[in-house]
Amino acid sequence: MANFFKKAFQDMKENAKAQHEVDKANMAAVKAESKAQWEEAKAMGDPEKRKAMMQAERDEQIAEAQKRQAEAQARIDAVKGNK
């Protein structure tokens, strides 16, 4: 009976250590994510960085629109060429 309790307490100790490692890793991840969010928010407060981010987004949208326009024109040309 004493062996049973020794083994049970040893298992609980090992599980507690393992859970502590998991908790430390999760806490570090949350801390890193929080810092990343803070840095992003701080960057949005800087007018130059915000303008650059917004310009990059607009450039991406313009490129996508030009691609769609070219595809539409190719479809138009294909239909007209088939007549």
PDB file of N, CA and C in Angstrom:
ATOM      1  N   MET A   1       0.818  -1.183   0.000  1.00  0.00           N
ATOM      2  CA  MET A   1       0.000   0.000   0.000  1.00  0.00           C
ATOM      3  C   MET A   1       0.871   1.260   0.000  1.00  0.00           C
ATOM      4  N   ALA A   2       1.948   1.251   0.739  1.00  0.00           N
ATOM      5  CA  ALA A   2       2.843   2.403   0.801  1.00  0.00           C
ATOM      6  C   ALA A   2       3.482   2.646  -0.563  1.00  0.00           C
ATOM      7  N   ASN A   3       3.818   1.577  -1.260  1.00  0.00           N
ATOM      8  CA  ASN A   3       4.391   1.719  -2.595  1.00  0.00           C
ATOM      9  C   ASN A   3       3.411   2.389  -3.547  1.00  0.00           C
ATOM     10  N   PHE A   4       2.155   2.031  -3.411  1.00  0.00           N
ATOM     11  CA  PHE A   4       1.113   2.615  -4.253  1.00  0.00           C
ATOM     12  C   PHE A   4       1.082   4.136  -4.072  1.00  0.00           C
ATOM     13  N   PHE A   5       1.092   4.588  -2.819  1.00  0.00           N
ATOM     14  CA  PHE A   5       1.050   6.022  -2.561  1.00  0.00           C
ATOM     15  C   PHE A   5       2.337   6.716  -3.002  1.00  0.00           C
ATOM     16  N   LYS A   6       3.475   6.048  -2.814  1.00  0.00           N
ATOM     17  CA  LYS A   6       4.746   6.623  -3.276  1.00  0.00           C
ATOM     18  C   LYS A   6       4.699   6.849  -4.782  1.00  0.00           C
ATOM     19  N   LYS A   7       4.248   5.836  -5.487  1.00  0.00           N
ATOM     20  CA  LYS A   7       4.170   5.931  -6.949  1.00  0.00           C
ATOM     21  C   LYS A   7       3.156   6.988  -7.362  1.00  0.00           C
ATOM     22  N   ALA A   8       2.027   7.040  -6.689  1.00  0.00           N
ATOM     23  CA  ALA A   8       0.996   8.022  -7.016  1.00  0.00           C
ATOM     24  C   ALA A   8       1.508   9.445  -6.801  1.00  0.00           C
ATOM     25  N   PHE A   9       2.173   9.684  -5.688  1.00  0.00           N
ATOM     26  CA  PHE A   9       2.709  11.024  -5.437  1.00  0.00           C
ATOM     27  C   PHE A   9       3.842  11.371  -6.399  1.00  0.00           C
ATOM     28  N   GLN A  10       4.634  10.399  -6.770  1.00  0.00           N
ATOM     29  CA  GLN A  10       5.711  10.629  -7.744  1.00  0.00           C
ATOM     30  C   GLN A  10       5.104  11.004  -9.097  1.00  0.00           C
ATOM     31  N   ASP A  11       4.044  10.291  -9.503  1.00  0.00           N
ATOM     32  CA  ASP A  11       3.362  10.611 -10.758  1.00  0.00           C
ATOM     33  C   ASP A  11       2.775  12.016 -10.720  1.00  0.00           C
ATOM     34  N   MET A  12       2.150  12.376  -9.586  1.00  0.00           N
ATOM     35  CA  MET A  12       1.584  13.721  -9.457  1.00  0.00           C
ATOM     36  C   MET A  12       2.666  14.783  -9.559  1.00  0.00           C
ATOM     37  N   LYS A  13       3.823  14.519  -8.968  1.00  0.00           N
ATOM     38  CA  LYS A  13       4.934  15.460  -9.011  1.00  0.00           C
ATOM     39  C   LYS A  13       5.423  15.643 -10.448  1.00  0.00           C
ATOM     40  N   GLU A  14       5.570  14.536 -11.170  1.00  0.00           N
ATOM     41  CA  GLU A  14       6.019  14.606 -12.558  1.00  0.00           C
ATOM     42  C   GLU A  14       4.993  15.337 -13.429  1.00  0.00           C
ATOM     43  N   ASN A  15       3.715  15.047 -13.204  1.00  0.00           N
ATOM     44  CA  ASN A  15       2.670  15.726 -13.974  1.00  0.00           C
ATOM     45  C   ASN A  15       2.647  17.221 -13.676  1.00  0.00           C
ATOM     46  N   ALA A  16       2.852  17.594 -12.435  1.00  0.00           N
ATOM     47  CA  ALA A  16       2.883  19.006 -12.067  1.00  0.00           C
ATOM     48  C   ALA A  16       4.049  19.716 -12.750  1.00  0.00           C
ATOM     49  N   LYS A  17       5.206  19.061 -12.797  1.00  0.00           N
ATOM     50  CA  LYS A  17       6.370  19.657 -13.474  1.00  0.00           C
ATOM     51  C   LYS A  17       6.093  19.823 -14.967  1.00  0.00           C
ATOM     52  N   ALA A  18       5.518  18.787 -15.565  1.00  0.00           N
ATOM     53  CA  ALA A  18       5.218  18.858 -16.995  1.00  0.00           C
ATOM     54  C   ALA A  18       4.198  19.962 -17.286  1.00  0.00           C
ATOM     55  N   GLN A  19       3.174  20.061 -16.457  1.00  0.00           N
ATOM     56  CA  GLN A  19       2.167  21.103 -16.643  1.00  0.00           C
ATOM     57  C   GLN A  19       2.770  22.488 -16.451  1.00  0.00           C
ATOM     58  N   HIS A  20       3.709  22.602 -15.530  1.00  0.00           N
ATOM     59  CA  HIS A  20       4.386  23.883 -15.309  1.00  0.00           C
ATOM     60  C   HIS A  20       5.150  24.309 -16.561  1.00  0.00           C
ATOM     61  N   GLU A  21       5.798  23.349 -17.222  1.00  0.00           N
ATOM     62  CA  GLU A  21       6.518  23.658 -18.456  1.00  0.00           C
ATOM     63  C   GLU A  21       5.544  24.128 -19.543  1.00  0.00           C
ATOM     64  N   VAL A  22       4.401  23.469 -19.640  1.00  0.00           N
ATOM     65  CA  VAL A  22       3.381  23.865 -20.609  1.00  0.00           C
ATOM     66  C   VAL A  22       2.892  25.277 -20.304  1.00  0.00           C
ATOM     67  N   ASP A  23       2.629  25.544 -19.042  1.00  0.00           N
ATOM     68  CA  ASP A  23       2.160  26.869 -18.640  1.00  0.00           C
ATOM     69  C   ASP A  23       3.191  27.946 -18.946  1.00  0.00           C
ATOM     70  N   LYS A  24       4.466  27.651 -18.706  1.00  0.00           N
ATOM     71  CA  LYS A  24       5.525  28.625 -19.010  1.00  0.00           C
ATOM     72  C   LYS A  24       5.572  28.908 -20.507  1.00  0.00           C
ATOM     73  N   ALA A  25       5.468  27.862 -21.320  1.00  0.00           N
ATOM     74  CA  ALA A  25       5.508  28.044 -22.771  1.00  0.00           C
ATOM     75  C   ALA A  25       4.304  28.862 -23.249  1.00  0.00           C
ATOM     76  N   ASN A  26       3.126  28.563 -22.725  1.00  0.00           N
ATOM     77  CA  ASN A  26       1.927  29.322 -23.096  1.00  0.00           C
ATOM     78  C   ASN A  26       2.033  30.773 -22.668  1.00  0.00           C
ATOM     79  N   MET A  27       2.562  31.013 -21.493  1.00  0.00           N
ATOM     80  CA  MET A  27       2.722  32.385 -21.003  1.00  0.00           C
ATOM     81  C   MET A  27       3.696  33.163 -21.885  1.00  0.00           C
ATOM     82  N   ALA A  28       4.769  32.526 -22.292  1.00  0.00           N
ATOM     83  CA  ALA A  28       5.735  33.185 -23.171  1.00  0.00           C
ATOM     84  C   ALA A  28       5.093  33.522 -24.516  1.00  0.00           C
ATOM     85  N   ALA A  29       4.261  32.609 -25.026  1.00  0.00           N
ATOM     86  CA  ALA A  29       3.578  32.864 -26.298  1.00  0.00           C
ATOM     87  C   ALA A  29       2.609  34.033 -26.174  1.00  0.00           C
ATOM     88  N   VAL A  30       1.849  34.078 -25.100  1.00  0.00           N
ATOM     89  CA  VAL A  30       0.905  35.174 -24.878  1.00  0.00           C
ATOM     90  C   VAL A  30       1.653  36.496 -24.745  1.00  0.00           C
ATOM     91  N   LYS A  31       2.759  36.466 -24.048  1.00  0.00           N
ATOM     92  CA  LYS A  31       3.568  37.677 -23.867  1.00  0.00           C
ATOM     93  C   LYS A  31       4.092  38.182 -25.214  1.00  0.00           C
ATOM     94  N   ALA A  32       4.570  37.274 -26.054  1.00  0.00           N
ATOM     95  CA  ALA A  32       5.083  37.653 -27.367  1.00  0.00           C
ATOM     96  C   ALA A  32       3.970  38.209 -28.250  1.00  0.00           C
ATOM     97  N   GLU A  33       2.797  37.561 -28.225  1.00  0.00           N
ATOM     98  CA  GLU A  33       1.672  38.049 -29.018  1.00  0.00           C
ATOM     99  C   GLU A  33       1.234  39.434 -28.559  1.00  0.00           C
ATOM    100  N   SER A  34       1.222  39.641 -27.258  1.00  0.00           N
ATOM    101  CA  SER A  34       0.836  40.930 -26.707  1.00  0.00           C
ATOM    102  C   SER A  34       1.811  42.021 -27.142  1.00  0.00           C
ATOM    103  N   LYS A  35       3.084  41.699 -27.099  1.00  0.00           N
ATOM    104  CA  LYS A  35       4.105  42.669 -27.530  1.00  0.00           C
ATOM    105  C   LYS A  35       3.945  42.989 -29.010  1.00  0.00           C
ATOM    106  N   ALA A  36       3.649  41.970 -29.824  1.00  0.00           N
ATOM    107  CA  ALA A  36       3.459  42.193 -31.260  1.00  0.00           C
ATOM    108  C   ALA A  36       2.264  43.110 -31.505  1.00  0.00           C
ATOM    109  N   GLN A  37       1.171  42.880 -30.779  1.00  0.00           N
ATOM    110  CA  GLN A  37      -0.003  43.743 -30.927  1.00  0.00           C
ATOM    111  C   GLN A  37       0.317  45.170 -30.508  1.00  0.00           C
ATOM    112  N   TRP A  38       1.077  45.313 -29.443  1.00  0.00           N
ATOM    113  CA  TRP A  38       1.455  46.640 -28.967  1.00  0.00           C
ATOM    114  C   TRP A  38       2.299  47.359 -30.015  1.00  0.00           C
ATOM    115  N   GLU A  39       3.267  46.655 -30.578  1.00  0.00           N
ATOM    116  CA  GLU A  39       4.133  47.272 -31.584  1.00  0.00           C
ATOM    117  C   GLU A  39       3.331  47.667 -32.830  1.00  0.00           C
ATOM    118  N   GLU A  40       2.374  46.818 -33.229  1.00  0.00           N
ATOM    119  CA  GLU A  40       1.532  47.160 -34.379  1.00  0.00           C
ATOM    120  C   GLU A  40       0.697  48.403 -34.088  1.00  0.00           C
ATOM    121  N   ALA A  41       0.126  48.459 -32.899  1.00  0.00           N
ATOM    122  CA  ALA A  41      -0.684  49.623 -32.526  1.00  0.00           C
ATOM    123  C   ALA A  41       0.177  50.873 -32.465  1.00  0.00           C
ATOM    124  N   LYS A  42       1.381  50.731 -31.939  1.00  0.00           N
ATOM    125  CA  LYS A  42       2.296  51.866 -31.843  1.00  0.00           C
ATOM    126  C   LYS A  42       2.688  52.344 -33.244  1.00  0.00           C
ATOM    127  N   ALA A  43       2.889  51.394 -34.154  1.00  0.00           N
ATOM    128  CA  ALA A  43       3.263  51.755 -35.525  1.00  0.00           C
ATOM    129  C   ALA A  43       2.128  52.505 -36.220  1.00  0.00           C
ATOM    130  N   MET A  44       0.903  52.148 -35.899  1.00  0.00           N
ATOM    131  CA  MET A  44      -0.230  52.840 -36.508  1.00  0.00           C
ATOM    132  C   MET A  44      -0.323  54.285 -36.021  1.00  0.00           C
ATOM    133  N   GLY A  45       0.279  54.583 -34.892  1.00  0.00           N
ATOM    134  CA  GLY A  45       0.290  55.948 -34.381  1.00  0.00           C
ATOM    135  C   GLY A  45       1.297  56.826 -35.103  1.00  0.00           C
ATOM    136  N   ASP A  46       2.271  56.219 -35.749  1.00  0.00           N
ATOM    137  CA  ASP A  46       3.280  56.964 -36.506  1.00  0.00           C
ATOM    138  C   ASP A  46       2.717  57.246 -37.899  1.00  0.00           C
ATOM    139  N   PRO A  47       2.485  58.513 -38.213  1.00  0.00           N
ATOM    140  CA  PRO A  47       1.856  58.843 -39.498  1.00  0.00           C
ATOM    141  C   PRO A  47       2.621  58.309 -40.710  1.00  0.00           C
ATOM    142  N   GLU A  48       3.934  58.336 -40.658  1.00  0.00           N
ATOM    143  CA  GLU A  48       4.722  57.875 -41.805  1.00  0.00           C
ATOM    144  C   GLU A  48       4.559  56.367 -42.028  1.00  0.00           C
ATOM    145  N   LYS A  49       4.622  55.610 -40.949  1.00  0.00           N
ATOM    146  CA  LYS A  49       4.458  54.160 -41.080  1.00  0.00           C
ATOM    147  C   LYS A  49       3.044  53.811 -41.526  1.00  0.00           C
ATOM    148  N   ARG A  50       2.064  54.517 -40.957  1.00  0.00           N
ATOM    149  CA  ARG A  50       0.674  54.249 -41.334  1.00  0.00           C
ATOM    150  C   ARG A  50       0.455  54.571 -42.804  1.00  0.00           C
ATOM    151  N   LYS A  51       1.009  55.704 -43.272  1.00  0.00           N
ATOM    152  CA  LYS A  51       0.878  56.056 -44.678  1.00  0.00           C
ATOM    153  C   LYS A  51       1.523  55.010 -45.570  1.00  0.00           C
ATOM    154  N   ALA A  52       2.685  54.512 -45.160  1.00  0.00           N
ATOM    155  CA  ALA A  52       3.378  53.495 -45.955  1.00  0.00           C
ATOM    156  C   ALA A  52       2.565  52.206 -46.007  1.00  0.00           C
ATOM    157  N   MET A  53       1.994  51.801 -44.862  1.00  0.00           N
ATOM    158  CA  MET A  53       1.181  50.587 -44.836  1.00  0.00           C
ATOM    159  C   MET A  53      -0.063  50.743 -45.709  1.00  0.00           C
ATOM    160  N   MET A  54      -0.694  51.901 -45.615  1.00  0.00           N
ATOM    161  CA  MET A  54      -1.897  52.132 -46.407  1.00  0.00           C
ATOM    162  C   MET A  54      -1.568  52.205 -47.890  1.00  0.00           C
ATOM    163  N   GLN A  55      -0.433  52.805 -48.237  1.00  0.00           N
ATOM    164  CA  GLN A  55      -0.031  52.895 -49.641  1.00  0.00           C
ATOM    165  C   GLN A  55       0.259  51.506 -50.195  1.00  0.00           C
ATOM    166  N   ALA A  56       0.909  50.667 -49.411  1.00  0.00           N
ATOM    167  CA  ALA A  56       1.189  49.302 -49.844  1.00  0.00           C
ATOM    168  C   ALA A  56      -0.117  48.540 -50.088  1.00  0.00           C
ATOM    169  N   GLU A  57      -1.097  48.748 -49.220  1.00  0.00           N
ATOM    170  CA  GLU A  57      -2.391  48.086 -49.392  1.00  0.00           C
ATOM    171  C   GLU A  57      -3.092  48.593 -50.654  1.00  0.00           C
ATOM    172  N   ARG A  58      -3.030  49.901 -50.880  1.00  0.00           N
ATOM    173  CA  ARG A  58      -3.636  50.456 -52.095  1.00  0.00           C
ATOM    174  C   ARG A  58      -2.945  49.943 -53.339  1.00  0.00           C
ATOM    175  N   ASP A  59      -1.621  49.867 -53.308  1.00  0.00           N
ATOM    176  CA  ASP A  59      -0.874  49.354 -54.461  1.00  0.00           C
ATOM    177  C   ASP A  59      -1.276  47.917 -54.776  1.00  0.00           C
ATOM    178  N   GLU A  60      -1.463  47.127 -53.740  1.00  0.00           N
ATOM    179  CA  GLU A  60      -1.886  45.740 -53.920  1.00  0.00           C
ATOM    180  C   GLU A  60      -3.280  45.682 -54.551  1.00  0.00           C
ATOM    181  N   GLN A  61      -4.177  46.544 -54.092  1.00  0.00           N
ATOM    182  CA  GLN A  61      -5.527  46.569 -54.647  1.00  0.00           C
ATOM    183  C   GLN A  61      -5.520  47.025 -56.102  1.00  0.00           C
ATOM    184  N   ILE A  62      -4.690  48.011 -56.430  1.00  0.00           N
ATOM    185  CA  ILE A  62      -4.585  48.483 -57.806  1.00  0.00           C
ATOM    186  C   ILE A  62      -4.053  47.380 -58.708  1.00  0.00           C
ATOM    187  N   ALA A  63      -3.038  46.672 -58.251  1.00  0.00           N
ATOM    188  CA  ALA A  63      -2.476  45.578 -59.044  1.00  0.00           C
ATOM    189  C   ALA A  63      -3.522  44.496 -59.291  1.00  0.00           C
ATOM    190  N   GLU A  64      -4.293  44.170 -58.267  1.00  0.00           N
ATOM    191  CA  GLU A  64      -5.354  43.160 -58.416  1.00  0.00           C
ATOM    192  C   GLU A  64      -6.409  43.635 -59.414  1.00  0.00           C
ATOM    193  N   ALA A  65      -6.791  44.914 -59.343  1.00  0.00           N
ATOM    194  CA  ALA A  65      -7.790  45.455 -60.259  1.00  0.00           C
ATOM    195  C   ALA A  65      -7.267  45.447 -61.695  1.00  0.00           C
ATOM    196  N   GLN A  66      -5.996  45.777 -61.892  1.00  0.00           N
ATOM    197  CA  GLN A  66      -5.412  45.757 -63.228  1.00  0.00           C
ATOM    198  C   GLN A  66      -5.364  44.334 -63.786  1.00  0.00           C
ATOM    199  N   LYS A  67      -5.082  43.389 -62.924  1.00  0.00           N
ATOM    200  CA  LYS A  67      -5.065  41.983 -63.346  1.00  0.00           C
ATOM    201  C   LYS A  67      -6.464  41.552 -63.789  1.00  0.00           C
ATOM    202  N   ARG A  68      -7.470  41.915 -63.002  1.00  0.00           N
ATOM    203  CA  ARG A  68      -8.846  41.561 -63.355  1.00  0.00           C
ATOM    204  C   ARG A  68      -9.268  42.234 -64.657  1.00  0.00           C
ATOM    205  N   GLN A  69      -8.813  43.467 -64.852  1.00  0.00           N
ATOM    206  CA  GLN A  69      -9.146  44.199 -66.069  1.00  0.00           C
ATOM    207  C   GLN A  69      -8.512  43.525 -67.286  1.00  0.00           C
ATOM    208  N   ALA A  70      -7.259  43.087 -67.146  1.00  0.00           N
ATOM    209  CA  ALA A  70      -6.581  42.415 -68.244  1.00  0.00           C
ATOM    210  C   ALA A  70      -7.259  41.089 -68.574  1.00  0.00           C
ATOM    211  N   GLU A  71      -7.678  40.358 -67.555  1.00  0.00           N
ATOM    212  CA  GLU A  71      -8.379  39.091 -67.786  1.00  0.00           C
ATOM    213  C   GLU A  71      -9.712  39.334 -68.495  1.00  0.00           C
ATOM    214  N   ALA A  72     -10.417  40.379 -68.096  1.00  0.00           N
ATOM    215  CA  ALA A  72     -11.689  40.704 -68.739  1.00  0.00           C
ATOM    216  C   ALA A  72     -11.465  41.091 -70.195  1.00  0.00           C
ATOM    217  N   GLN A  73     -10.434  41.867 -70.456  1.00  0.00           N
ATOM    218  CA  GLN A  73     -10.129  42.276 -71.831  1.00  0.00           C
ATOM    219  C   GLN A  73      -9.770  41.063 -72.684  1.00  0.00           C
ATOM    220  N   ALA A  74      -9.053  40.106 -72.110  1.00  0.00           N
ATOM    221  CA  ALA A  74      -8.709  38.873 -72.835  1.00  0.00           C
ATOM    222  C   ALA A  74      -9.981  38.102 -73.167  1.00  0.00           C
ATOM    223  N   ARG A  75     -10.932  38.068 -72.271  1.00  0.00           N
ATOM    224  CA  ARG A  75     -12.199  37.389 -72.541  1.00  0.00           C
ATOM    225  C   ARG A  75     -12.969  38.095 -73.644  1.00  0.00           C
ATOM    226  N   ILE A  76     -12.950  39.440 -73.619  1.00  0.00           N
ATOM    227  CA  ILE A  76     -13.628  40.214 -74.662  1.00  0.00           C
ATOM    228  C   ILE A  76     -12.991  39.938 -76.017  1.00  0.00           C
ATOM    229  N   ASP A  77     -11.665  39.971 -76.065  1.00  0.00           N
ATOM    230  CA  ASP A  77     -10.950  39.715 -77.311  1.00  0.00           C
ATOM    231  C   ASP A  77     -11.221  38.302 -77.826  1.00  0.00           C
ATOM    232  N   ALA A  78     -11.312  37.350 -76.920  1.00  0.00           N
ATOM    233  CA  ALA A  78     -11.579  35.963 -77.334  1.00  0.00           C
ATOM    234  C   ALA A  78     -12.967  35.851 -77.948  1.00  0.00           C
ATOM    235  N   VAL A  79     -13.949  36.557 -77.377  1.00  0.00           N
ATOM    236  CA  VAL A  79     -15.309  36.504 -77.918  1.00  0.00           C
ATOM    237  C   VAL A  79     -15.369  37.208 -79.274  1.00  0.00           C
ATOM    238  N   LYS A  80     -14.733  38.335 -79.384  1.00  0.00           N
ATOM    239  CA  LYS A  80     -14.756  39.079 -80.645  1.00  0.00           C
ATOM    240  C   LYS A  80     -13.996  38.353 -81.737  1.00  0.00           C
ATOM    241  N   GLY A  81     -12.952  37.647 -81.359  1.00  0.00           N
ATOM    242  CA  GLY A  81     -12.156  36.917 -82.333  1.00  0.00           C
ATOM    243  C   GLY A  81     -12.889  35.697 -82.861  1.00  0.00           C
ATOM    244  N   ASN A  82     -13.831  35.171 -82.100  1.00  0.00           N
ATOM    245  CA  ASN A  82     -14.577  33.991 -82.512  1.00  0.00           C
ATOM    246  C   ASN A  82     -15.705  34.302 -83.470  1.00  0.00           C
ATOM    247  N   LYS A  83     -16.107  35.559 -83.617  1.00  0.00           N
ATOM    248  CA  LYS A  83     -17.227  35.897 -84.489  1.00  0.00           C
ATOM    249  C   LYS A  83     -16.888  35.795 -85.912  1.00  0.00           C
TER     250      LYS A  83
END
